[in-house]
Amino acid sequence: MPRFRTRLINAVFIVIITASVVISIFTGDRLRLLMVELPAITLSAKIIYLIHCRMRVNHCEFWILSSLECRLTEITKIIKKLNKD
């Protein structure tokens, strides 16, 4: 479920893209280059934000898997010790 901050960023992104398209249509050639660059910059920022969010998820998954591996190693040592005895 997307959080409020994610929804807000998506809404701002959509507004910037829509506004730049509308402005470039009504202003003609004067601001067309700026209105092409603005969505490109916002798209780059959106991609960076998505990469950041994915890195946070990857860090959490790594921490969980690392904890499981550590515990599994401890259990394996205990089982080997019990088999020796």
Protein backbone atom coordinates (compact mmCIF):
# COMPACT_ATOMS: atom_id res chain seq x y z
CA MET A 1 0.00 0.00 0.00
CA PRO A 2 1.59 3.31 -1.05
CA ARG A 3 2.30 5.74 1.73
CA PHE A 4 1.15 9.35 1.74
CA ARG A 5 4.59 10.62 0.75
CA THR A 6 4.68 8.30 -2.27
CA ARG A 7 1.21 9.41 -3.33
CA LEU A 8 2.23 13.04 -2.93
CA ILE A 9 5.36 12.57 -5.05
CA ASN A 10 3.31 10.80 -7.74
CA ALA A 11 0.73 13.59 -7.73
CA VAL A 12 3.40 16.30 -8.00
CA PHE A 13 5.04 14.38 -10.83
CA ILE A 14 1.74 14.12 -12.75
CA VAL A 15 0.96 17.80 -12.18
CA ILE A 16 4.39 18.90 -13.43
CA ILE A 17 4.13 16.74 -16.55
CA THR A 18 0.58 17.87 -17.31
CA ALA A 19 1.37 21.54 -16.69
CA SER A 20 4.46 21.43 -18.89
CA VAL A 21 2.48 19.86 -21.75
CA VAL A 22 -0.29 22.46 -21.45
CA ILE A 23 2.17 25.34 -21.18
CA SER A 24 4.19 24.14 -24.17
CA ILE A 25 1.00 23.91 -26.26
CA PHE A 26 -0.18 27.44 -25.39
CA THR A 27 3.15 29.28 -25.43
CA GLY A 28 4.37 27.99 -28.74
CA ASP A 29 8.12 28.02 -29.41
CA ARG A 30 9.13 30.42 -26.63
CA LEU A 31 9.11 27.94 -23.73
CA ARG A 32 9.06 24.65 -25.64
CA LEU A 33 12.67 23.72 -24.78
CA LEU A 34 12.11 24.48 -21.10
CA MET A 35 8.91 22.45 -21.10
CA VAL A 36 10.78 19.48 -22.58
CA GLU A 37 13.62 19.76 -20.08
CA LEU A 38 11.36 20.11 -17.04
CA PRO A 39 9.62 16.72 -17.50
CA ALA A 40 13.00 15.10 -18.24
CA ILE A 41 14.37 16.44 -14.96
CA THR A 42 11.29 15.36 -13.00
CA LEU A 43 11.42 11.92 -14.62
CA SER A 44 15.06 11.61 -13.57
CA ALA A 45 14.15 12.61 -10.03
CA LYS A 46 11.31 10.06 -10.00
CA ILE A 47 13.68 7.30 -11.15
CA ILE A 48 16.18 8.25 -8.44
CA TYR A 49 13.40 8.15 -5.84
CA LEU A 50 12.26 4.71 -7.04
CA ILE A 51 15.84 3.40 -6.86
CA HIS A 52 16.13 4.82 -3.33
CA CYS A 53 12.91 3.07 -2.24
CA ARG A 54 14.06 -0.22 -3.77
CA MET A 55 17.42 0.06 -1.98
CA ARG A 56 15.59 0.42 1.34
CA VAL A 57 13.59 -2.74 0.62
CA ASN A 58 16.74 -4.60 -0.44
CA HIS A 59 18.48 -3.57 2.79
CA CYS A 60 15.59 -4.90 4.87
CA GLU A 61 15.51 -8.18 2.92
CA PHE A 62 19.28 -8.55 3.32
CA TRP A 63 19.03 -7.98 7.07
CA ILE A 64 16.27 -10.61 7.42
CA LEU A 65 18.13 -13.16 5.29
CA SER A 66 21.37 -12.51 7.15
CA SER A 67 19.64 -13.07 10.49
CA LEU A 68 18.10 -16.31 9.24
CA GLU A 69 21.45 -17.54 7.95
CA CYS A 70 23.13 -16.78 11.25
CA ARG A 71 20.47 -18.65 13.19
CA LEU A 72 20.58 -21.57 10.75
CA THR A 73 24.35 -21.80 11.20
CA GLU A 74 23.91 -21.92 14.98
CA ILE A 75 21.30 -24.68 14.69
CA THR A 76 23.57 -26.66 12.36
CA LYS A 77 26.43 -26.44 14.86
CA ILE A 78 24.13 -27.64 17.65
CA ILE A 79 22.90 -30.58 15.55
CA LYS A 80 26.46 -31.60 14.64
CA LYS A 81 27.47 -31.42 18.28
CA LEU A 82 24.50 -33.61 19.29
CA ASN A 83 25.32 -36.15 16.55
CA LYS A 84 28.89 -36.45 17.86
CA ASP A 85 27.67 -37.20 21.36
